[in-house]
Amino acid sequence: MYPPRAPSGAALLAAALCALPPTGPAGAEPVVIGLDELLQRVEATSPVMDIARAKLADYEAQFDRAYYAWTPSLRIESILAPLPERRALRRCVTGSYIDPSTGRALDEVGACPGQDIEADERITADTEIGILTRTTARLTFPIYTFGRVEHGMRAARAGLEVGRGGLDVARGALHYRVKQAYYGAQLAASALDILQDGRKRFREAKDGIARELDKESGRFTSNDLRKLIVEEADLESSLLETEALQAVAWSGLRIAAGLEPGADIALDSLELEPVHVEARAPEAYVELAIESRPELRMARAAIEARASQVDMAEAEFLPNIALVGAFGFAEGTTADDPEDPFADDGYNFLNWGVVIGLDWRIDFAALASSLGRAEANLAKQRAEHEALLQQVRLEVLEQVGTMRRRSRELDVRELAMKAAKGWLVSNTLNFGLGLVTTDDLLKSLVAYSKARLTYFRTIYEYNLAVARLSQSVGTELAVPAPDDE
């Protein structure tokens, strides 16, 4: 089997969703894009980010509602309706009587003659139909709520932090996938370069053996040529397999960049190099994750919100005190306005007033249940935070170990690649002189190809380890290397 297939280069490229850019239309200038710009583009165009932003907007709306909870609330009710004529009862002196206790004569008051009270309640063809308009308004201004407004604002502010954390979680996941594709595209360029170099070397060796066979020099047999043809078939298979991934893989990068399907695009660099990371102790990474990891920030904010809910449940045992202003107006065009100021008239009135009111819901069984549930949710949230904290600590330490292992492996792989190159150069020269066999040349070519592919794959794995650790700690760890490096 040809050596480049040993590290499963094609499968690795498929997983990374990367490949070399296809050739665009003649004369078309490709869009050259770097990693930073690619990250910005995916943040601006990804529906995942749109979902996170929508959730944050919902939390912002809840915060606005809590922030303005202290403002007065106004309730207005108004009606406009037909009104059959309504006549007020007129009273007259209908007689007199003697007060037994004093012996004095007193006037007896009753309905004035000519009034048919029952007839007034019936609508007939002669009944006049008018209009009734009635408006009432109630303005409630909270004076003292025993902390309800403050607790609600604290919970809403914690909700804002949860929303921002969710945005950072979505951003971190997208950044990792984009880096995976970007570094994978560079790995693809390196892999294809190795495969094409191997193809060139195979053809040179085949041509040399063919010439010797034509001259019948006796240095090679037809079996030597057949061995190269068999190995070359594996090489061509690897090339075809890698090139077959190009269209689908590069479409993923176009989507990440927010470009139209088929748009010509190129990366700013196809050289795969290890990223630079500042040296830190393992616990320093853990402390960084505790401070910056969005999931931990969200968990801390959730604890704050649950604590506010407990305070809110406790405040529900106490009343609400408010300043209440009321206003009422009504006018019926076909309703008499009674002269008695104490008469209950629902058709013609104008009143207003301001009072201090108290609203107190006394249902201790329900209130105690709500308080108990709020305290249980707070305890659960704190436990979940501690469990997440332990999980993050173990995850970060494991990823730090992976990153450091990949970093040390790079030195070993680089040394092996240099040794394999020297072996191949030596065997290639000796092969031309007839000092080594075809098998020896194939072994050195296989070893060099494997060493190069493994070296670049290790760089890819190291860069992904840094990207994964950056996602875990909640901040970018890859920084520009110092000038002296």
Protein backbone atom coordinates (compact mmCIF):
# COMPACT_ATOMS: atom_id res chain seq x y z
CA MET A 1 0.00 0.00 0.00
CA TYR A 2 1.22 3.50 -0.75
CA PRO A 3 2.39 5.30 2.41
CA PRO A 4 0.15 8.40 2.43
CA ARG A 5 -2.88 6.19 3.11
CA ALA A 6 -1.41 4.97 6.39
CA PRO A 7 -2.45 8.06 8.40
CA SER A 8 -5.92 7.97 6.80
CA GLY A 9 -5.41 11.40 5.27
CA ALA A 10 -8.65 11.33 3.28
CA ALA A 11 -10.77 10.37 6.28
CA LEU A 12 -9.10 13.07 8.32
CA LEU A 13 -9.84 15.67 5.65
CA ALA A 14 -13.47 14.59 5.45
CA ALA A 15 -13.88 14.99 9.17
CA ALA A 16 -12.32 18.44 9.01
CA LEU A 17 -14.47 19.52 6.05
CA CYS A 18 -11.59 20.99 4.18
CA ALA A 19 -9.84 20.82 0.81
CA LEU A 20 -8.07 22.97 -1.72
CA PRO A 21 -10.17 25.62 -3.48
CA PRO A 22 -11.41 24.71 -6.93
CA THR A 23 -10.32 26.72 -9.89
CA GLY A 24 -12.73 29.58 -10.60
CA PRO A 25 -13.83 30.99 -13.93
CA ALA A 26 -11.13 32.30 -16.22
CA GLY A 27 -10.13 35.82 -15.24
CA ALA A 28 -12.16 35.77 -11.98
CA GLU A 29 -10.39 37.01 -8.88
CA PRO A 30 -10.99 34.69 -5.91
CA VAL A 31 -12.04 36.07 -2.56
CA VAL A 32 -8.95 35.80 -0.36
CA ILE A 33 -9.92 35.30 3.24
CA GLY A 34 -8.02 34.74 6.49
CA LEU A 35 -8.98 33.02 9.70
CA ASP A 36 -9.93 36.21 11.56
CA GLU A 37 -12.14 37.43 8.75
CA LEU A 38 -13.68 33.98 8.41
CA LEU A 39 -14.59 34.03 12.10
CA GLN A 40 -16.16 37.47 11.74
CA ARG A 41 -18.15 36.40 8.71
CA VAL A 42 -19.54 33.30 10.36
CA GLU A 43 -20.61 35.33 13.39
CA ALA A 44 -22.47 37.75 11.14
CA THR A 45 -24.22 35.18 8.94
CA SER A 46 -24.73 32.05 11.03
CA PRO A 47 -28.35 31.28 12.06
CA VAL A 48 -26.92 29.78 15.26
CA MET A 49 -25.77 33.25 16.26
CA ASP A 50 -29.13 34.71 15.24
CA ILE A 51 -30.89 32.29 17.59
CA ALA A 52 -28.55 33.26 20.45
CA ARG A 53 -29.08 36.96 19.73
CA ALA A 54 -32.86 36.47 19.75
CA LYS A 55 -32.64 34.81 23.16
CA LEU A 56 -30.53 37.69 24.45
CA ALA A 57 -33.09 40.16 23.08
CA ASP A 58 -35.78 38.31 25.04
CA TYR A 59 -33.75 38.63 28.25
CA GLU A 60 -33.23 42.33 27.50
CA ALA A 61 -36.98 42.80 27.15
CA GLN A 62 -37.53 41.08 30.50
CA PHE A 63 -34.94 43.35 32.08
CA ASP A 64 -36.67 46.44 30.70
CA ARG A 65 -39.95 45.21 32.17
CA ALA A 66 -38.34 44.71 35.59
CA TYR A 67 -36.47 48.02 35.42
CA TYR A 68 -39.68 49.99 34.88
CA ALA A 69 -41.74 48.02 37.40
CA TRP A 70 -41.69 51.04 39.75
CA THR A 71 -43.47 53.27 37.23
CA PRO A 72 -47.20 54.00 37.66
CA SER A 73 -49.72 51.81 35.91
CA LEU A 74 -52.77 53.41 34.32
CA ARG A 75 -55.98 51.55 33.56
CA ILE A 76 -58.66 53.26 31.47
CA GLU A 77 -62.11 51.88 30.64
CA SER A 78 -64.47 53.71 28.31
CA ILE A 79 -67.79 52.81 26.73
CA LEU A 80 -70.14 54.37 24.20
CA ALA A 81 -73.62 52.85 24.07
CA PRO A 82 -77.25 53.65 23.16
CA LEU A 83 -79.34 54.79 26.13
CA PRO A 84 -83.16 54.80 26.31
CA GLU A 85 -84.50 57.81 28.20
CA ARG A 86 -84.19 57.58 31.94
CA ARG A 87 -86.25 60.03 34.04
CA ALA A 88 -85.33 60.86 37.60
CA LEU A 89 -88.03 60.37 40.25
CA ARG A 90 -89.42 63.74 41.32
CA ARG A 91 -90.66 64.05 44.87
CA CYS A 92 -93.44 66.29 46.13
CA VAL A 93 -95.28 66.96 49.38
CA THR A 94 -98.24 64.64 49.17
CA GLY A 95 -99.73 65.34 52.60
CA SER A 96 -98.95 65.72 56.28
CA TYR A 97 -98.98 63.62 59.41
CA ILE A 98 -98.71 64.12 63.17
CA ASP A 99 -95.53 62.98 64.83
CA PRO A 100 -96.73 60.89 67.79
CA SER A 101 -93.70 61.67 69.87
CA THR A 102 -93.90 65.43 69.54
CA GLY A 103 -97.42 65.99 68.40
CA ARG A 104 -96.19 68.26 65.62
CA ALA A 105 -97.47 68.20 62.04
CA LEU A 106 -94.86 67.08 59.48
CA ASP A 107 -94.93 67.03 55.67
CA GLU A 108 -95.16 63.69 53.93
CA VAL A 109 -92.92 63.43 50.82
CA GLY A 110 -93.58 61.05 47.91
CA ALA A 111 -93.54 60.74 44.18
CA CYS A 112 -95.05 63.68 42.41
CA PRO A 113 -98.37 62.99 40.74
CA GLY A 114 -98.36 61.90 37.10
CA GLN A 115 -95.25 59.76 37.28
CA ASP A 116 -95.62 56.16 36.11
CA ILE A 117 -92.49 54.45 37.39
CA GLU A 118 -93.31 51.13 35.74
CA ALA A 119 -93.95 52.77 32.39
CA ASP A 120 -90.55 54.48 32.51
CA GLU A 121 -88.84 51.07 32.52
CA ARG A 122 -90.52 49.97 29.25
CA ILE A 123 -89.26 50.93 25.80
CA THR A 124 -92.04 51.94 23.46
CA ALA A 125 -92.28 53.66 20.09
CA ASP A 126 -92.31 56.98 21.89
CA THR A 127 -89.18 56.25 23.92
CA GLU A 128 -86.32 58.58 23.06
CA ILE A 129 -82.96 56.84 22.43
CA GLY A 130 -79.83 58.79 23.30
CA ILE A 131 -76.14 58.08 23.86
CA LEU A 132 -74.32 57.11 27.03
CA THR A 133 -70.59 57.78 27.34
CA ARG A 134 -68.72 56.62 30.42
CA THR A 135 -64.99 56.73 31.20
CA THR A 136 -63.15 55.58 34.32
CA ALA A 137 -59.42 55.72 34.98
CA ARG A 138 -57.26 54.26 37.75
CA LEU A 139 -53.63 55.29 38.28
CA THR A 140 -51.59 53.11 40.67
CA PHE A 141 -48.17 54.29 41.82
CA PRO A 142 -46.19 51.80 43.97
CA ILE A 143 -44.90 53.41 47.14
CA TYR A 144 -43.36 50.46 48.94
CA THR A 145 -43.25 46.83 47.80
CA PHE A 146 -40.90 45.40 50.45
CA GLY A 147 -38.15 44.74 47.90
CA ARG A 148 -40.19 43.17 45.11
CA VAL A 149 -38.95 45.67 42.51
CA GLU A 150 -35.31 45.28 43.56
CA HIS A 151 -35.52 41.48 43.57
CA GLY A 152 -37.13 41.47 40.15
CA MET A 153 -34.38 43.71 38.74
CA ARG A 154 -31.68 41.50 40.22
CA ALA A 155 -33.23 38.40 38.63
CA ALA A 156 -33.63 40.18 35.28
CA ARG A 157 -30.03 41.36 35.38
CA ALA A 158 -28.92 37.78 35.98
CA GLY A 159 -31.05 36.78 33.00
CA LEU A 160 -29.09 39.25 30.87
CA GLU A 161 -25.87 37.53 31.89
CA VAL A 162 -27.38 34.17 30.95
CA GLY A 163 -28.27 35.56 27.53
CA ARG A 164 -24.78 36.95 26.99
CA GLY A 165 -23.30 33.65 28.09
CA GLY A 166 -25.47 31.80 25.59
CA LEU A 167 -24.19 34.10 22.85
CA ASP A 168 -20.60 33.30 23.85
CA VAL A 169 -21.33 29.56 23.89
CA ALA A 170 -22.67 29.72 20.34
CA ARG A 171 -19.72 31.86 19.26
CA GLY A 172 -17.20 29.44 20.80
CA ALA A 173 -18.73 26.41 19.07
CA LEU A 174 -18.73 28.18 15.70
CA HIS A 175 -15.17 29.38 16.13
CA TYR A 176 -13.98 25.84 16.80
CA ARG A 177 -15.68 24.48 13.68
CA VAL A 178 -14.30 27.26 11.51
CA LYS A 179 -10.79 26.69 12.84
CA GLN A 180 -11.21 22.99 12.18
CA ALA A 181 -12.08 23.73 8.55
CA TYR A 182 -9.36 26.36 8.14
CA TYR A 183 -6.55 24.23 9.54
CA GLY A 184 -7.93 21.26 7.63
CA ALA A 185 -7.70 23.17 4.36
CA GLN A 186 -4.04 23.82 5.09
CA LEU A 187 -3.55 20.14 5.95
CA ALA A 188 -5.15 19.22 2.63
CA ALA A 189 -2.70 21.43 0.78
CA SER A 190 0.21 19.71 2.53
CA ALA A 191 -1.21 16.24 1.87
CA LEU A 192 -1.73 16.88 -1.82
CA ASP A 193 1.76 18.33 -2.09
CA ILE A 194 3.17 15.14 -0.57
CA LEU A 195 1.09 12.94 -2.87
CA GLN A 196 2.11 14.89 -5.93
CA ASP A 197 5.77 14.72 -4.88
CA GLY A 198 5.38 10.94 -4.49
CA ARG A 199 3.82 10.70 -7.93
CA LYS A 200 6.78 12.57 -9.40
CA ARG A 201 9.29 10.28 -7.69
CA PHE A 202 7.42 7.17 -8.83
CA ARG A 203 7.40 8.31 -12.41
CA GLU A 204 11.12 9.09 -12.31
CA ALA A 205 11.86 5.64 -10.88
CA LYS A 206 9.61 3.93 -13.44
CA ASP A 207 11.25 5.79 -16.31
CA GLY A 208 14.69 4.83 -15.03
CA ILE A 209 13.80 1.14 -14.75
CA ALA A 210 12.14 1.19 -18.18
CA ARG A 211 15.27 2.64 -19.76
CA GLU A 212 17.46 -0.01 -18.12
CA LEU A 213 15.10 -2.75 -19.30
CA ASP A 214 15.21 -1.39 -22.84
CA LYS A 215 19.02 -1.42 -22.74
CA GLU A 216 18.93 -4.95 -21.24
CA SER A 217 21.58 -3.88 -18.73
CA GLY A 218 20.53 -6.60 -16.29
CA ARG A 219 20.18 -4.19 -13.35
CA PHE A 220 16.41 -4.60 -13.11
CA THR A 221 13.78 -7.13 -14.00
CA SER A 222 10.22 -6.64 -15.14
CA ASN A 223 9.11 -7.49 -11.57
CA ASP A 224 10.81 -4.31 -10.32
CA LEU A 225 8.68 -2.30 -12.71
CA ARG A 226 5.55 -4.20 -11.67
CA LYS A 227 6.23 -3.40 -7.98
CA LEU A 228 6.31 0.31 -8.75
CA ILE A 229 3.13 0.08 -10.82
CA VAL A 230 1.31 -1.67 -7.93
CA GLU A 231 2.45 0.93 -5.41
CA GLU A 232 1.65 3.75 -7.80
CA ALA A 233 -1.95 2.54 -7.97
CA ASP A 234 -2.35 3.18 -4.24
CA LEU A 235 -0.86 6.63 -4.72
CA GLU A 236 -3.34 7.49 -7.45
CA SER A 237 -6.18 6.15 -5.32
CA SER A 238 -5.17 8.47 -2.48
CA LEU A 239 -5.04 11.42 -4.85
CA LEU A 240 -8.46 10.67 -6.28
CA GLU A 241 -9.94 10.18 -2.82
CA THR A 242 -8.57 13.50 -1.59
CA GLU A 243 -9.63 15.42 -4.67
CA ALA A 244 -13.15 13.93 -4.45
CA LEU A 245 -13.62 15.76 -1.12
CA GLN A 246 -12.90 19.17 -2.61
CA ALA A 247 -16.33 20.21 -3.84
CA VAL A 248 -18.29 19.27 -0.71
CA ALA A 249 -15.60 20.41 1.74
CA TRP A 250 -15.01 23.77 0.11
CA SER A 251 -18.76 24.42 0.04
CA GLY A 252 -18.64 24.31 3.84
CA LEU A 253 -16.06 27.08 3.89
CA ARG A 254 -18.16 29.15 1.48
CA ILE A 255 -21.12 28.80 3.81
CA ALA A 256 -18.98 29.84 6.77
CA ALA A 257 -17.76 32.86 4.80
CA GLY A 258 -21.31 33.81 3.81
CA LEU A 259 -20.56 33.57 0.07
CA GLU A 260 -22.81 32.42 -2.73
CA PRO A 261 -22.55 28.78 -3.90
CA GLY A 262 -19.84 28.45 -6.51
CA ALA A 263 -18.04 31.65 -5.50
CA ASP A 264 -14.30 31.43 -5.99
CA ILE A 265 -12.53 31.61 -2.63
CA ALA A 266 -8.96 31.15 -1.42
CA LEU A 267 -7.32 31.18 1.98
CA ASP A 268 -4.70 33.78 2.81
CA SER A 269 -2.17 31.01 3.48
CA LEU A 270 -2.09 27.28 2.79
CA GLU A 271 1.00 26.68 4.94
CA LEU A 272 0.06 24.69 8.00
CA GLU A 273 2.08 25.95 10.95
CA PRO A 274 1.66 25.40 14.70
CA VAL A 275 -0.02 28.29 16.51
CA HIS A 276 1.76 30.07 19.35
CA VAL A 277 0.46 29.80 22.92
CA GLU A 278 1.83 31.58 25.96
CA ALA A 279 3.18 29.20 28.58
CA ARG A 280 0.89 28.74 31.58
CA ALA A 281 0.66 26.30 34.46
CA PRO A 282 -2.30 23.86 34.28
CA GLU A 283 -4.03 25.54 37.22
CA ALA A 284 -3.73 28.88 35.44
CA TYR A 285 -5.86 27.48 32.63
CA VAL A 286 -8.37 26.24 35.20
CA GLU A 287 -8.56 29.67 36.84
CA LEU A 288 -9.02 31.25 33.42
CA ALA A 289 -11.89 28.87 32.69
CA ILE A 290 -13.54 29.61 36.05
CA GLU A 291 -13.44 33.31 35.25
CA SER A 292 -14.28 33.25 31.52
CA ARG A 293 -16.04 29.99 30.61
CA PRO A 294 -19.52 31.09 29.44
CA GLU A 295 -21.28 28.03 30.87
CA LEU A 296 -19.87 28.83 34.33
CA ARG A 297 -20.86 32.47 34.00
CA MET A 298 -24.35 31.35 33.07
CA ALA A 299 -24.46 29.00 36.07
CA ARG A 300 -23.39 31.78 38.44
CA ALA A 301 -26.01 34.09 36.96
CA ALA A 302 -28.64 31.37 37.37
CA ILE A 303 -27.75 31.12 41.07
CA GLU A 304 -28.24 34.88 41.38
CA ALA A 305 -31.62 34.63 39.69
CA ARG A 306 -32.71 31.76 41.94
CA ALA A 307 -31.63 33.70 45.03
CA SER A 308 -33.73 36.65 43.83
CA GLN A 309 -36.69 34.33 43.44
CA VAL A 310 -36.28 33.22 47.06
CA ASP A 311 -36.24 36.86 48.19
CA MET A 312 -39.28 37.52 46.03
CA ALA A 313 -41.14 34.60 47.58
CA GLU A 314 -40.35 35.93 51.06
CA ALA A 315 -41.56 39.41 50.08
CA GLU A 316 -44.90 37.92 48.99
CA PHE A 317 -45.74 37.43 52.70
CA LEU A 318 -45.91 41.22 53.01
CA PRO A 319 -48.36 43.70 51.44
CA ASN A 320 -47.97 46.14 48.57
CA ILE A 321 -48.52 49.79 49.41
CA ALA A 322 -49.49 52.14 46.61
CA LEU A 323 -50.86 55.59 45.90
CA VAL A 324 -54.07 55.20 43.89
CA GLY A 325 -55.75 57.95 41.91
CA ALA A 326 -59.22 57.46 40.42
CA PHE A 327 -61.27 59.47 37.93
CA GLY A 328 -64.77 58.89 36.57
CA PHE A 329 -67.02 60.67 34.12
CA ALA A 330 -70.35 59.75 32.56
CA GLU A 331 -73.03 61.55 30.61
CA GLY A 332 -76.31 60.20 29.27
CA THR A 333 -78.07 62.45 26.78
CA THR A 334 -81.47 60.90 27.60
CA ALA A 335 -81.01 60.45 31.35
CA ASP A 336 -82.18 62.99 33.91
CA ASP A 337 -79.59 64.24 36.35
CA PRO A 338 -81.18 63.86 39.80
CA GLU A 339 -81.09 66.88 42.07
CA ASP A 340 -80.30 64.75 45.12
CA PRO A 341 -76.50 64.93 45.58
CA PHE A 342 -76.56 61.59 47.36
CA ALA A 343 -78.43 59.74 44.64
CA ASP A 344 -76.63 56.82 42.97
CA ASP A 345 -76.58 57.99 39.36
CA GLY A 346 -74.79 55.73 36.87
CA TYR A 347 -75.59 57.96 33.85
CA ASN A 348 -74.38 61.42 34.84
CA PHE A 349 -71.45 61.88 37.18
CA LEU A 350 -67.99 63.39 37.57
CA ASN A 351 -65.76 62.23 40.40
CA TRP A 352 -62.11 61.87 41.28
CA GLY A 353 -59.94 61.13 44.28
CA VAL A 354 -56.53 60.04 45.59
CA VAL A 355 -56.01 57.44 48.29
CA ILE A 356 -53.22 55.34 49.78
CA GLY A 357 -54.09 51.69 49.41
CA LEU A 358 -52.75 48.37 50.66
CA ASP A 359 -52.93 45.09 48.74
CA TRP A 360 -52.23 42.07 50.93
CA ARG A 361 -52.74 38.51 49.80
CA ILE A 362 -52.99 36.33 52.91
CA ASP A 363 -52.72 32.73 51.73
CA PHE A 364 -49.90 31.38 53.86
CA ALA A 365 -50.19 27.79 52.63
CA ALA A 366 -49.63 28.80 49.01
CA LEU A 367 -46.98 31.37 49.95
CA ALA A 368 -45.07 28.86 52.07
CA SER A 369 -45.18 26.35 49.22
CA SER A 370 -43.82 28.92 46.76
CA LEU A 371 -41.02 29.81 49.16
CA GLY A 372 -40.10 26.16 49.68
CA ARG A 373 -39.94 25.52 45.94
CA ALA A 374 -37.81 28.61 45.40
CA GLU A 375 -35.35 27.49 48.09
CA ALA A 376 -35.20 23.98 46.58
CA ASN A 377 -34.48 25.40 43.13
CA LEU A 378 -31.72 27.55 44.58
CA ALA A 379 -30.11 24.55 46.28
CA LYS A 380 -30.35 22.56 43.05
CA GLN A 381 -28.79 25.38 41.04
CA ARG A 382 -25.87 25.64 43.44
CA ALA A 383 -25.28 21.90 43.26
CA GLU A 384 -25.37 22.00 39.46
CA HIS A 385 -22.83 24.81 39.49
CA GLU A 386 -20.48 22.79 41.67
CA ALA A 387 -20.88 19.74 39.42
CA LEU A 388 -20.18 21.86 36.34
CA LEU A 389 -17.16 23.38 38.05
CA GLN A 390 -15.67 19.95 38.69
CA GLN A 391 -16.43 18.87 35.13
CA VAL A 392 -14.77 21.96 33.67
CA ARG A 393 -11.71 21.50 35.88
CA LEU A 394 -11.21 17.91 34.71
CA GLU A 395 -11.96 18.82 31.09
CA VAL A 396 -9.45 21.68 31.05
CA LEU A 397 -6.70 19.65 32.71
CA GLU A 398 -7.24 16.84 30.22
CA GLN A 399 -7.11 19.21 27.26
CA VAL A 400 -4.01 20.94 28.60
CA GLY A 401 -2.35 17.52 28.75
CA THR A 402 -3.41 16.79 25.16
CA MET A 403 -2.09 20.13 23.92
CA ARG A 404 1.26 19.65 25.64
CA ARG A 405 1.54 16.09 24.36
CA ARG A 406 0.92 17.27 20.80
CA SER A 407 3.47 20.03 21.25
CA ARG A 408 6.17 17.58 22.36
CA GLU A 409 5.17 15.18 19.59
CA LEU A 410 5.84 17.90 17.03
CA ASP A 411 9.55 17.89 17.89
CA VAL A 412 9.70 14.11 17.56
CA ARG A 413 7.83 14.09 14.24
CA GLU A 414 10.00 16.86 12.82
CA LEU A 415 13.15 14.93 13.67
CA ALA A 416 11.72 11.75 12.12
CA MET A 417 10.79 13.64 8.94
CA LYS A 418 14.30 14.99 8.56
CA ALA A 419 15.81 11.53 9.10
CA ALA A 420 13.42 9.98 6.57
CA LYS A 421 14.29 12.65 4.02
CA GLY A 422 17.99 11.90 4.41
CA TRP A 423 17.31 8.19 4.02
CA LEU A 424 15.31 8.79 0.82
CA VAL A 425 17.93 11.11 -0.69
CA SER A 426 20.64 8.57 0.03
CA ASN A 427 18.64 5.68 -1.45
CA THR A 428 17.65 7.73 -4.50
CA LEU A 429 21.32 8.48 -5.30
CA ASN A 430 22.36 4.88 -4.67
CA PHE A 431 19.44 3.59 -6.73
CA GLY A 432 20.70 5.54 -9.70
CA LEU A 433 24.12 3.94 -9.19
CA GLY A 434 22.64 0.50 -8.84
CA LEU A 435 23.73 0.15 -5.20
CA VAL A 436 20.26 -0.38 -3.69
CA THR A 437 17.32 -2.49 -4.76
CA THR A 438 13.85 -1.37 -5.74
CA ASP A 439 12.52 -2.61 -2.41
CA ASP A 440 14.99 -0.40 -0.54
CA LEU A 441 13.93 2.62 -2.56
CA LEU A 442 10.24 1.90 -1.94
CA LYS A 443 10.81 1.50 1.79
CA SER A 444 12.58 4.85 2.07
CA LEU A 445 9.92 6.56 -0.06
CA VAL A 446 7.16 5.05 2.10
CA ALA A 447 8.91 6.11 5.27
CA TYR A 448 9.46 9.69 4.08
CA SER A 449 5.87 10.08 2.91
CA LYS A 450 4.53 8.69 6.17
CA ALA A 451 6.81 10.92 8.20
CA ARG A 452 5.74 14.06 6.32
CA LEU A 453 2.04 13.26 6.52
CA THR A 454 2.27 12.41 10.20
CA TYR A 455 4.17 15.63 10.91
CA PHE A 456 1.55 17.82 9.27
CA ARG A 457 -1.25 15.82 10.84
CA THR A 458 0.35 16.41 14.24
CA ILE A 459 0.42 20.16 13.58
CA TYR A 460 -3.26 19.94 12.68
CA GLU A 461 -4.07 18.01 15.86
CA TYR A 462 -2.02 20.45 17.95
CA ASN A 463 -3.82 23.47 16.50
CA LEU A 464 -7.17 21.80 17.10
CA ALA A 465 -6.13 21.02 20.67
CA VAL A 466 -5.39 24.71 21.20
CA ALA A 467 -8.73 25.65 19.61
CA ARG A 468 -10.57 23.14 21.80
CA LEU A 469 -8.83 24.43 24.92
CA SER A 470 -9.65 28.01 23.93
CA GLN A 471 -13.30 27.03 23.72
CA SER A 472 -13.11 25.34 27.13
CA VAL A 473 -11.53 28.29 28.94
CA GLY A 474 -13.71 30.84 27.16
CA THR A 475 -10.94 32.97 25.65
CA GLU A 476 -8.62 32.80 22.65
CA LEU A 477 -5.25 31.26 23.55
CA ALA A 478 -3.53 31.41 20.16
CA VAL A 479 -1.58 34.68 19.93
CA PRO A 480 1.00 36.02 17.46
CA ALA A 481 4.45 34.60 18.10
CA PRO A 482 7.15 36.99 19.37
CA ASP A 483 9.45 38.41 16.72
CA ASP A 484 12.49 36.60 18.13
CA GLU A 485 10.94 33.18 17.57
